Amino acid sequence: MRTLLLSLGCVLALSAQESPLPKPTAHHLAMKDQAGTWVAVAKMYMDPSKPPMVSKGTETNTLVSGGLWLKSEMRAELMGQTFEGHGLFGYDTHQNAHVGSWVDNGGTWMAVSKGTCTKDCREMTLFFEGYDEAGKPATFKEIHTQVDRDHRTAVMFVKGRDGAFVKIMEMEYTRAK
């Protein structure tokens, strides 16, 4: 009983002290330009011998949790159906890495990404494990570029059997006015 009371006393004492919340780092602040509503045009390279399939949609990004995370909501028309995706992205100071998660109605698996940035975090490279169109495990790479305040790009690659990454999608984003 004495241990329980001592533990409860410690918890109450700790909760009475102010616990400083983390402040956004330069990595977090770089996400600020991604916040807002974007018109997206995607080109998907399903068959190298054919032109890419083009899709249009809207992405809405919101800074959450004191600017530490960017919540992303995507809606698009894809092959006559509504595509819907949701992501959460940020910078993990413990891992010294950009991290994220993505789910959509195109699959039943969650992409959990990790990567780095360059050019004052205006270019970010992320990697994640997932599944290809045949349902086989695959490694993916994404390169996100903040061209300027009103324009962004994202290019996605899948790792081939030979170890080389092959482009499967590119997206151009323009800030909605």
N, C-alpha and C. Protein backbone atom coordinates (compact mmCIF):
# COMPACT_ATOMS: atom_id res chain seq x y z
N MET A 1 0.83 -1.19 0.00
CA MET A 1 0.00 0.00 0.00
C MET A 1 0.87 1.25 0.00
N ARG A 2 1.96 1.19 0.77
CA ARG A 2 2.86 2.34 0.84
C ARG A 2 3.45 2.64 -0.54
N THR A 3 3.79 1.61 -1.31
CA THR A 3 4.35 1.79 -2.65
C THR A 3 3.33 2.43 -3.58
N LEU A 4 2.08 2.01 -3.46
CA LEU A 4 1.01 2.58 -4.28
C LEU A 4 0.84 4.07 -3.98
N LEU A 5 0.83 4.44 -2.70
CA LEU A 5 0.67 5.84 -2.33
C LEU A 5 1.87 6.67 -2.78
N LEU A 6 3.08 6.11 -2.67
CA LEU A 6 4.28 6.81 -3.11
C LEU A 6 4.24 7.03 -4.62
N SER A 7 3.82 6.01 -5.36
CA SER A 7 3.71 6.13 -6.82
C SER A 7 2.68 7.17 -7.21
N LEU A 8 1.53 7.15 -6.54
CA LEU A 8 0.47 8.13 -6.83
C LEU A 8 0.96 9.54 -6.52
N GLY A 9 1.69 9.70 -5.43
CA GLY A 9 2.24 11.01 -5.07
C GLY A 9 3.22 11.51 -6.12
N CYS A 10 4.06 10.63 -6.66
CA CYS A 10 5.01 11.01 -7.70
C CYS A 10 4.28 11.44 -8.97
N VAL A 11 3.26 10.71 -9.34
CA VAL A 11 2.49 11.05 -10.53
C VAL A 11 1.84 12.42 -10.37
N LEU A 12 1.23 12.66 -9.21
CA LEU A 12 0.59 13.96 -8.97
C LEU A 12 1.61 15.10 -8.97
N ALA A 13 2.78 14.87 -8.37
CA ALA A 13 3.81 15.90 -8.34
C ALA A 13 4.32 16.21 -9.74
N LEU A 14 4.53 15.18 -10.53
CA LEU A 14 5.01 15.38 -11.90
C LEU A 14 3.97 16.09 -12.76
N SER A 15 2.70 15.74 -12.58
CA SER A 15 1.66 16.36 -13.40
C SER A 15 1.44 17.81 -12.99
N ALA A 16 1.80 18.19 -11.76
CA ALA A 16 1.64 19.57 -11.32
C ALA A 16 2.70 20.47 -11.95
N GLN A 17 3.86 19.90 -12.31
CA GLN A 17 4.90 20.67 -12.96
C GLN A 17 4.54 20.86 -14.43
N GLU A 18 4.98 21.99 -14.98
CA GLU A 18 4.71 22.20 -16.41
C GLU A 18 5.65 21.31 -17.21
N SER A 19 5.07 20.59 -18.14
CA SER A 19 5.84 19.75 -19.05
C SER A 19 5.95 20.49 -20.38
N PRO A 20 7.15 20.90 -20.77
CA PRO A 20 7.26 21.65 -22.01
C PRO A 20 6.95 20.77 -23.23
N LEU A 21 6.10 21.27 -24.08
CA LEU A 21 5.79 20.56 -25.31
C LEU A 21 6.87 20.87 -26.33
N PRO A 22 7.16 19.93 -27.22
CA PRO A 22 8.21 20.19 -28.21
C PRO A 22 7.81 21.32 -29.15
N LYS A 23 8.79 22.06 -29.56
CA LYS A 23 8.58 23.15 -30.52
C LYS A 23 8.97 22.63 -31.91
N PRO A 24 8.28 23.10 -32.94
CA PRO A 24 8.64 22.68 -34.30
C PRO A 24 10.08 23.05 -34.64
N THR A 25 10.79 22.12 -35.27
CA THR A 25 12.16 22.36 -35.74
C THR A 25 12.08 22.91 -37.17
N ALA A 26 13.22 23.20 -37.75
CA ALA A 26 13.26 23.67 -39.15
C ALA A 26 12.62 22.63 -40.07
N HIS A 27 12.79 21.36 -39.74
CA HIS A 27 12.17 20.29 -40.55
C HIS A 27 10.65 20.40 -40.51
N HIS A 28 10.10 20.67 -39.34
CA HIS A 28 8.65 20.82 -39.20
C HIS A 28 8.17 22.08 -39.91
N LEU A 29 8.89 23.18 -39.72
CA LEU A 29 8.49 24.45 -40.32
C LEU A 29 8.47 24.39 -41.84
N ALA A 30 9.28 23.52 -42.43
CA ALA A 30 9.31 23.38 -43.89
C ALA A 30 7.98 22.83 -44.43
N MET A 31 7.20 22.16 -43.58
CA MET A 31 5.91 21.61 -44.03
C MET A 31 4.85 22.70 -44.20
N LYS A 32 5.12 23.88 -43.65
CA LYS A 32 4.14 24.96 -43.67
C LYS A 32 3.67 25.30 -45.09
N ASP A 33 4.59 25.30 -46.05
CA ASP A 33 4.21 25.62 -47.43
C ASP A 33 3.34 24.54 -48.07
N GLN A 34 3.29 23.35 -47.49
CA GLN A 34 2.45 22.29 -48.04
C GLN A 34 1.01 22.37 -47.55
N ALA A 35 0.78 23.16 -46.50
CA ALA A 35 -0.58 23.30 -45.97
C ALA A 35 -1.45 24.04 -46.98
N GLY A 36 -2.71 23.65 -47.05
CA GLY A 36 -3.66 24.29 -47.95
C GLY A 36 -4.33 23.29 -48.86
N THR A 37 -5.06 23.80 -49.83
CA THR A 37 -5.76 22.95 -50.79
C THR A 37 -5.04 23.01 -52.13
N TRP A 38 -4.84 21.84 -52.72
CA TRP A 38 -4.06 21.71 -53.94
C TRP A 38 -4.86 20.97 -55.01
N VAL A 39 -4.71 21.40 -56.25
CA VAL A 39 -5.25 20.67 -57.40
C VAL A 39 -4.11 19.77 -57.87
N ALA A 40 -4.39 18.48 -57.99
CA ALA A 40 -3.35 17.51 -58.33
C ALA A 40 -3.66 16.85 -59.67
N VAL A 41 -2.61 16.69 -60.47
CA VAL A 41 -2.70 15.95 -61.73
C VAL A 41 -1.69 14.82 -61.63
N ALA A 42 -2.18 13.58 -61.71
CA ALA A 42 -1.31 12.41 -61.59
C ALA A 42 -1.17 11.72 -62.94
N LYS A 43 0.04 11.28 -63.23
CA LYS A 43 0.32 10.45 -64.40
C LYS A 43 0.82 9.12 -63.87
N MET A 44 0.11 8.04 -64.22
CA MET A 44 0.48 6.71 -63.76
C MET A 44 0.98 5.89 -64.94
N TYR A 45 2.15 5.32 -64.77
CA TYR A 45 2.79 4.56 -65.84
C TYR A 45 2.55 3.07 -65.60
N MET A 46 1.43 2.59 -66.12
CA MET A 46 1.02 1.20 -65.89
C MET A 46 1.73 0.26 -66.87
N ASP A 47 1.97 0.72 -68.09
CA ASP A 47 2.58 -0.08 -69.14
C ASP A 47 3.57 0.81 -69.88
N PRO A 48 4.86 0.48 -69.85
CA PRO A 48 5.86 1.34 -70.47
C PRO A 48 5.64 1.56 -71.98
N SER A 49 4.90 0.68 -72.63
CA SER A 49 4.68 0.82 -74.07
C SER A 49 3.48 1.72 -74.39
N LYS A 50 2.78 2.20 -73.35
CA LYS A 50 1.60 3.03 -73.56
C LYS A 50 1.76 4.37 -72.84
N PRO A 51 1.00 5.38 -73.29
CA PRO A 51 1.05 6.66 -72.58
C PRO A 51 0.52 6.49 -71.16
N PRO A 52 0.93 7.40 -70.25
CA PRO A 52 0.47 7.28 -68.86
C PRO A 52 -1.03 7.54 -68.74
N MET A 53 -1.63 6.94 -67.74
CA MET A 53 -3.02 7.21 -67.41
C MET A 53 -3.04 8.48 -66.56
N VAL A 54 -3.89 9.44 -66.90
CA VAL A 54 -3.93 10.72 -66.21
C VAL A 54 -5.18 10.79 -65.33
N SER A 55 -4.99 11.30 -64.13
CA SER A 55 -6.08 11.43 -63.16
C SER A 55 -5.96 12.80 -62.50
N LYS A 56 -7.10 13.40 -62.14
CA LYS A 56 -7.10 14.69 -61.46
C LYS A 56 -7.81 14.56 -60.12
N GLY A 57 -7.36 15.37 -59.17
CA GLY A 57 -7.96 15.33 -57.85
C GLY A 57 -7.64 16.55 -57.03
N THR A 58 -8.03 16.50 -55.77
CA THR A 58 -7.80 17.59 -54.82
C THR A 58 -7.18 17.01 -53.56
N GLU A 59 -6.15 17.70 -53.08
CA GLU A 59 -5.50 17.32 -51.84
C GLU A 59 -5.62 18.49 -50.87
N THR A 60 -6.04 18.20 -49.65
CA THR A 60 -6.12 19.22 -48.60
C THR A 60 -5.18 18.82 -47.48
N ASN A 61 -4.23 19.70 -47.18
CA ASN A 61 -3.24 19.45 -46.14
C ASN A 61 -3.42 20.44 -45.01
N THR A 62 -3.39 19.92 -43.78
CA THR A 62 -3.60 20.74 -42.60
C THR A 62 -2.49 20.46 -41.59
N LEU A 63 -1.85 21.52 -41.08
CA LEU A 63 -0.90 21.34 -39.99
C LEU A 63 -1.68 21.05 -38.72
N VAL A 64 -1.27 20.03 -37.98
CA VAL A 64 -1.95 19.63 -36.75
C VAL A 64 -0.92 19.45 -35.64
N SER A 65 -1.41 19.33 -34.42
CA SER A 65 -0.57 19.06 -33.24
C SER A 65 0.55 20.09 -33.11
N GLY A 66 0.17 21.36 -33.15
CA GLY A 66 1.13 22.42 -32.95
C GLY A 66 2.13 22.58 -34.08
N GLY A 67 1.77 22.13 -35.28
CA GLY A 67 2.67 22.24 -36.43
C GLY A 67 3.69 21.13 -36.54
N LEU A 68 3.56 20.10 -35.71
CA LEU A 68 4.50 18.97 -35.76
C LEU A 68 4.14 17.95 -36.83
N TRP A 69 2.89 17.95 -37.27
CA TRP A 69 2.42 16.95 -38.23
C TRP A 69 1.59 17.62 -39.32
N LEU A 70 1.62 17.03 -40.51
CA LEU A 70 0.83 17.48 -41.64
C LEU A 70 -0.17 16.38 -41.98
N LYS A 71 -1.45 16.68 -41.83
CA LYS A 71 -2.52 15.72 -42.15
C LYS A 71 -2.92 15.96 -43.60
N SER A 72 -2.97 14.89 -44.38
CA SER A 72 -3.26 15.00 -45.82
C SER A 72 -4.51 14.19 -46.16
N GLU A 73 -5.41 14.82 -46.93
CA GLU A 73 -6.64 14.17 -47.40
C GLU A 73 -6.68 14.32 -48.91
N MET A 74 -6.79 13.21 -49.63
CA MET A 74 -6.78 13.22 -51.10
C MET A 74 -8.05 12.61 -51.65
N ARG A 75 -8.62 13.26 -52.66
CA ARG A 75 -9.78 12.70 -53.38
C ARG A 75 -9.52 12.92 -54.86
N ALA A 76 -9.77 11.88 -55.65
CA ALA A 76 -9.53 11.96 -57.09
C ALA A 76 -10.45 10.98 -57.81
N GLU A 77 -10.55 11.17 -59.11
CA GLU A 77 -11.24 10.21 -59.97
C GLU A 77 -10.17 9.34 -60.60
N LEU A 78 -10.32 8.05 -60.47
CA LEU A 78 -9.33 7.10 -60.98
C LEU A 78 -10.06 5.95 -61.66
N MET A 79 -9.89 5.84 -62.96
CA MET A 79 -10.54 4.79 -63.74
C MET A 79 -12.05 4.75 -63.49
N GLY A 80 -12.66 5.93 -63.45
CA GLY A 80 -14.11 6.02 -63.27
C GLY A 80 -14.59 5.80 -61.85
N GLN A 81 -13.68 5.70 -60.91
CA GLN A 81 -14.05 5.49 -59.51
C GLN A 81 -13.44 6.58 -58.64
N THR A 82 -14.01 6.78 -57.47
CA THR A 82 -13.49 7.77 -56.53
C THR A 82 -12.34 7.16 -55.74
N PHE A 83 -11.20 7.83 -55.81
CA PHE A 83 -10.02 7.44 -55.03
C PHE A 83 -9.98 8.34 -53.79
N GLU A 84 -9.70 7.74 -52.64
CA GLU A 84 -9.64 8.48 -51.38
C GLU A 84 -8.42 8.00 -50.60
N GLY A 85 -7.57 8.96 -50.18
CA GLY A 85 -6.38 8.61 -49.42
C GLY A 85 -6.19 9.56 -48.25
N HIS A 86 -5.50 9.05 -47.20
CA HIS A 86 -5.28 9.81 -45.96
C HIS A 86 -3.86 9.58 -45.48
N GLY A 87 -3.18 10.67 -45.12
CA GLY A 87 -1.81 10.53 -44.64
C GLY A 87 -1.52 11.42 -43.46
N LEU A 88 -0.45 11.09 -42.76
CA LEU A 88 0.05 11.88 -41.65
C LEU A 88 1.57 11.87 -41.77
N PHE A 89 2.17 13.08 -41.85
CA PHE A 89 3.60 13.19 -42.11
C PHE A 89 4.23 14.17 -41.14
N GLY A 90 5.50 13.92 -40.82
CA GLY A 90 6.20 14.82 -39.92
C GLY A 90 7.67 14.49 -39.84
N TYR A 91 8.31 15.03 -38.83
CA TYR A 91 9.73 14.79 -38.60
C TYR A 91 9.90 14.24 -37.20
N ASP A 92 10.50 13.07 -37.10
CA ASP A 92 10.73 12.40 -35.82
C ASP A 92 12.13 12.77 -35.34
N THR A 93 12.19 13.60 -34.30
CA THR A 93 13.49 14.05 -33.80
C THR A 93 14.29 12.93 -33.15
N HIS A 94 13.64 11.88 -32.71
CA HIS A 94 14.35 10.76 -32.10
C HIS A 94 15.05 9.91 -33.16
N GLN A 95 14.43 9.78 -34.33
CA GLN A 95 15.02 9.01 -35.42
C GLN A 95 15.83 9.89 -36.38
N ASN A 96 15.73 11.23 -36.19
CA ASN A 96 16.34 12.18 -37.13
C ASN A 96 15.94 11.85 -38.56
N ALA A 97 14.62 11.66 -38.75
CA ALA A 97 14.12 11.26 -40.06
C ALA A 97 12.71 11.81 -40.28
N HIS A 98 12.41 12.05 -41.53
CA HIS A 98 11.04 12.37 -41.90
C HIS A 98 10.28 11.05 -41.93
N VAL A 99 9.08 11.05 -41.39
CA VAL A 99 8.28 9.83 -41.29
C VAL A 99 6.86 10.13 -41.76
N GLY A 100 6.16 9.09 -42.13
CA GLY A 100 4.78 9.28 -42.55
C GLY A 100 4.03 7.97 -42.64
N SER A 101 2.73 8.11 -42.76
CA SER A 101 1.87 6.94 -42.98
C SER A 101 0.83 7.33 -44.02
N TRP A 102 0.40 6.35 -44.80
CA TRP A 102 -0.57 6.60 -45.86
C TRP A 102 -1.47 5.38 -46.01
N VAL A 103 -2.77 5.63 -46.09
CA VAL A 103 -3.74 4.57 -46.40
C VAL A 103 -4.67 5.13 -47.46
N ASP A 104 -5.20 4.24 -48.29
CA ASP A 104 -6.18 4.66 -49.29
C ASP A 104 -7.07 3.49 -49.66
N ASN A 105 -8.09 3.76 -50.45
CA ASN A 105 -9.02 2.69 -50.82
C ASN A 105 -8.52 1.88 -52.01
N GLY A 106 -7.26 2.07 -52.38
CA GLY A 106 -6.66 1.25 -53.44
C GLY A 106 -5.98 0.00 -52.91
N GLY A 107 -5.97 -0.18 -51.59
CA GLY A 107 -5.32 -1.34 -51.00
C GLY A 107 -5.69 -1.48 -49.54
N THR A 108 -5.33 -2.61 -48.96
CA THR A 108 -5.65 -2.86 -47.55
C THR A 108 -4.42 -2.75 -46.65
N TRP A 109 -3.32 -2.25 -47.17
CA TRP A 109 -2.10 -2.13 -46.39
C TRP A 109 -1.76 -0.66 -46.15
N MET A 110 -1.01 -0.40 -45.09
CA MET A 110 -0.58 0.94 -44.73
C MET A 110 0.87 1.14 -45.14
N ALA A 111 1.13 2.23 -45.86
CA ALA A 111 2.50 2.60 -46.19
C ALA A 111 3.07 3.39 -45.02
N VAL A 112 4.18 2.93 -44.47
CA VAL A 112 4.87 3.63 -43.39
C VAL A 112 6.24 4.02 -43.94
N SER A 113 6.41 5.33 -44.15
CA SER A 113 7.60 5.81 -44.84
C SER A 113 8.60 6.45 -43.89
N LYS A 114 9.85 6.49 -44.37
CA LYS A 114 10.93 7.09 -43.60
C LYS A 114 11.95 7.62 -44.61
N GLY A 115 12.49 8.82 -44.32
CA GLY A 115 13.46 9.35 -45.26
C GLY A 115 14.15 10.60 -44.77
N THR A 116 14.75 11.31 -45.72
CA THR A 116 15.56 12.49 -45.43
C THR A 116 15.14 13.63 -46.35
N CYS A 117 15.70 14.81 -46.05
CA CYS A 117 15.43 15.96 -46.91
C CYS A 117 16.73 16.67 -47.26
N THR A 118 16.68 17.44 -48.34
CA THR A 118 17.79 18.28 -48.77
C THR A 118 17.22 19.63 -49.19
N LYS A 119 18.11 20.53 -49.57
CA LYS A 119 17.71 21.85 -50.07
C LYS A 119 16.76 22.56 -49.11
N ASP A 120 17.18 22.67 -47.84
CA ASP A 120 16.35 23.29 -46.79
C ASP A 120 14.99 22.61 -46.68
N CYS A 121 14.97 21.33 -46.83
CA CYS A 121 13.76 20.49 -46.75
C CYS A 121 12.74 20.82 -47.84
N ARG A 122 13.21 21.35 -48.94
CA ARG A 122 12.31 21.60 -50.07
C ARG A 122 12.28 20.37 -50.98
N GLU A 123 13.19 19.40 -50.73
CA GLU A 123 13.15 18.12 -51.44
C GLU A 123 13.29 17.01 -50.41
N MET A 124 12.36 16.08 -50.46
CA MET A 124 12.32 14.99 -49.48
C MET A 124 12.27 13.66 -50.22
N THR A 125 13.08 12.71 -49.77
CA THR A 125 13.09 11.37 -50.33
C THR A 125 12.65 10.40 -49.25
N LEU A 126 11.59 9.65 -49.53
CA LEU A 126 11.02 8.69 -48.57
C LEU A 126 11.03 7.29 -49.17
N PHE A 127 11.21 6.29 -48.33
CA PHE A 127 11.14 4.89 -48.74
C PHE A 127 10.10 4.18 -47.89
N PHE A 128 9.43 3.20 -48.49
CA PHE A 128 8.50 2.38 -47.72
C PHE A 128 8.35 1.02 -48.38
N GLU A 129 7.94 0.05 -47.58
CA GLU A 129 7.67 -1.30 -48.06
C GLU A 129 6.17 -1.44 -48.28
N GLY A 130 5.78 -2.15 -49.31
CA GLY A 130 4.37 -2.34 -49.61
C GLY A 130 4.19 -3.51 -50.55
N TYR A 131 3.20 -3.39 -51.42
CA TYR A 131 2.87 -4.48 -52.34
C TYR A 131 2.65 -3.91 -53.73
N ASP A 132 3.10 -4.65 -54.74
CA ASP A 132 2.91 -4.21 -56.11
C ASP A 132 1.52 -4.59 -56.61
N GLU A 133 1.26 -4.32 -57.87
CA GLU A 133 -0.06 -4.60 -58.46
C GLU A 133 -0.45 -6.09 -58.38
N ALA A 134 0.55 -6.96 -58.35
CA ALA A 134 0.29 -8.41 -58.28
C ALA A 134 0.17 -8.89 -56.83
N GLY A 135 0.30 -7.97 -55.87
CA GLY A 135 0.19 -8.36 -54.47
C GLY A 135 1.49 -8.90 -53.88
N LYS A 136 2.60 -8.71 -54.59
CA LYS A 136 3.89 -9.19 -54.10
C LYS A 136 4.61 -8.07 -53.35
N PRO A 137 5.37 -8.41 -52.30
CA PRO A 137 6.11 -7.39 -51.55
C PRO A 137 7.01 -6.57 -52.47
N ALA A 138 7.07 -5.26 -52.22
CA ALA A 138 7.88 -4.37 -53.05
C ALA A 138 8.39 -3.20 -52.21
N THR A 139 9.50 -2.62 -52.66
CA THR A 139 10.08 -1.43 -52.03
C THR A 139 9.78 -0.24 -52.92
N PHE A 140 9.30 0.84 -52.31
CA PHE A 140 8.94 2.04 -53.05
C PHE A 140 9.80 3.22 -52.59
N LYS A 141 9.98 4.17 -53.50
CA LYS A 141 10.69 5.41 -53.21
C LYS A 141 9.84 6.56 -53.73
N GLU A 142 9.74 7.62 -52.94
CA GLU A 142 9.03 8.84 -53.35
C GLU A 142 9.97 10.02 -53.21
N ILE A 143 9.93 10.91 -54.19
CA ILE A 143 10.69 12.16 -54.10
C ILE A 143 9.68 13.30 -54.20
N HIS A 144 9.59 14.08 -53.13
CA HIS A 144 8.68 15.22 -53.05
C HIS A 144 9.49 16.50 -53.16
N THR A 145 9.05 17.41 -54.02
CA THR A 145 9.75 18.68 -54.21
C THR A 145 8.78 19.84 -54.07
N GLN A 146 9.13 20.79 -53.21
CA GLN A 146 8.37 22.03 -53.07
C GLN A 146 9.03 23.01 -54.04
N VAL A 147 8.46 23.15 -55.23
CA VAL A 147 9.04 23.99 -56.28
C VAL A 147 9.02 25.46 -55.85
N ASP A 148 7.87 25.92 -55.43
CA ASP A 148 7.70 27.26 -54.87
C ASP A 148 6.45 27.20 -54.00
N ARG A 149 6.02 28.34 -53.48
CA ARG A 149 4.89 28.33 -52.55
C ARG A 149 3.63 27.73 -53.14
N ASP A 150 3.44 27.84 -54.45
CA ASP A 150 2.20 27.40 -55.10
C ASP A 150 2.34 26.16 -55.98
N HIS A 151 3.51 25.53 -56.00
CA HIS A 151 3.73 24.36 -56.87
C HIS A 151 4.58 23.31 -56.16
N ARG A 152 4.12 22.05 -56.27
CA ARG A 152 4.84 20.91 -55.70
C ARG A 152 4.82 19.78 -56.70
N THR A 153 5.75 18.85 -56.56
CA THR A 153 5.74 17.63 -57.35
C THR A 153 6.01 16.44 -56.44
N ALA A 154 5.57 15.28 -56.89
CA ALA A 154 5.89 14.02 -56.21
C ALA A 154 6.08 12.97 -57.30
N VAL A 155 7.14 12.20 -57.18
CA VAL A 155 7.42 11.13 -58.13
C VAL A 155 7.60 9.85 -57.33
N MET A 156 6.89 8.79 -57.74
CA MET A 156 6.97 7.51 -57.04
C MET A 156 7.63 6.47 -57.94
N PHE A 157 8.48 5.66 -57.32
CA PHE A 157 9.21 4.60 -58.01
C PHE A 157 8.98 3.28 -57.28
N VAL A 158 9.11 2.17 -57.99
CA VAL A 158 9.11 0.85 -57.37
C VAL A 158 10.43 0.18 -57.75
N LYS A 159 10.97 -0.56 -56.82
CA LYS A 159 12.24 -1.24 -57.05
C LYS A 159 12.00 -2.49 -57.89
N GLY A 160 12.70 -2.58 -59.01
CA GLY A 160 12.58 -3.73 -59.90
C GLY A 160 13.43 -4.90 -59.44
N ARG A 161 13.30 -6.01 -60.12
CA ARG A 161 14.06 -7.23 -59.76
C ARG A 161 15.57 -7.00 -59.88
N ASP A 162 15.95 -6.09 -60.80
CA ASP A 162 17.37 -5.81 -61.00
C ASP A 162 17.93 -4.82 -59.97
N GLY A 163 17.07 -4.34 -59.04
CA GLY A 163 17.50 -3.42 -58.01
C GLY A 163 17.35 -1.95 -58.38
N ALA A 164 17.03 -1.67 -59.64
CA ALA A 164 16.86 -0.29 -60.08
C ALA A 164 15.42 0.16 -59.81
N PHE A 165 15.26 1.44 -59.48
CA PHE A 165 13.93 1.99 -59.25
C PHE A 165 13.33 2.46 -60.58
N VAL A 166 12.07 2.09 -60.81
CA VAL A 166 11.36 2.42 -62.04
C VAL A 166 10.20 3.35 -61.69
N LYS A 167 10.08 4.46 -62.44
CA LYS A 167 9.01 5.43 -62.18
C LYS A 167 7.65 4.82 -62.51
N ILE A 168 6.73 4.93 -61.54
CA ILE A 168 5.38 4.42 -61.75
C ILE A 168 4.32 5.51 -61.68
N MET A 169 4.69 6.68 -61.10
CA MET A 169 3.72 7.76 -61.00
C MET A 169 4.44 9.08 -60.78
N GLU A 170 3.87 10.13 -61.36
CA GLU A 170 4.34 11.48 -61.04
C GLU A 170 3.12 12.36 -60.88
N MET A 171 3.22 13.27 -59.92
CA MET A 171 2.10 14.17 -59.62
C MET A 171 2.60 15.61 -59.62
N GLU A 172 1.74 16.47 -60.17
CA GLU A 172 2.00 17.91 -60.13
C GLU A 172 0.87 18.55 -59.35
N TYR A 173 1.25 19.36 -58.37
CA TYR A 173 0.27 20.03 -57.51
C TYR A 173 0.34 21.53 -57.75
N THR A 174 -0.82 22.17 -57.85
CA THR A 174 -0.92 23.62 -57.93
C THR A 174 -1.87 24.07 -56.83
N ARG A 175 -1.43 25.07 -56.09
CA ARG A 175 -2.27 25.56 -54.98
C ARG A 175 -3.59 26.09 -55.54
N ALA A 176 -4.70 25.67 -54.94
CA ALA A 176 -6.03 26.14 -55.36
C ALA A 176 -6.17 27.60 -54.96
N LYS A 177 -6.77 28.36 -55.83
CA LYS A 177 -6.96 29.82 -55.57
C LYS A 177 -8.33 30.08 -55.04
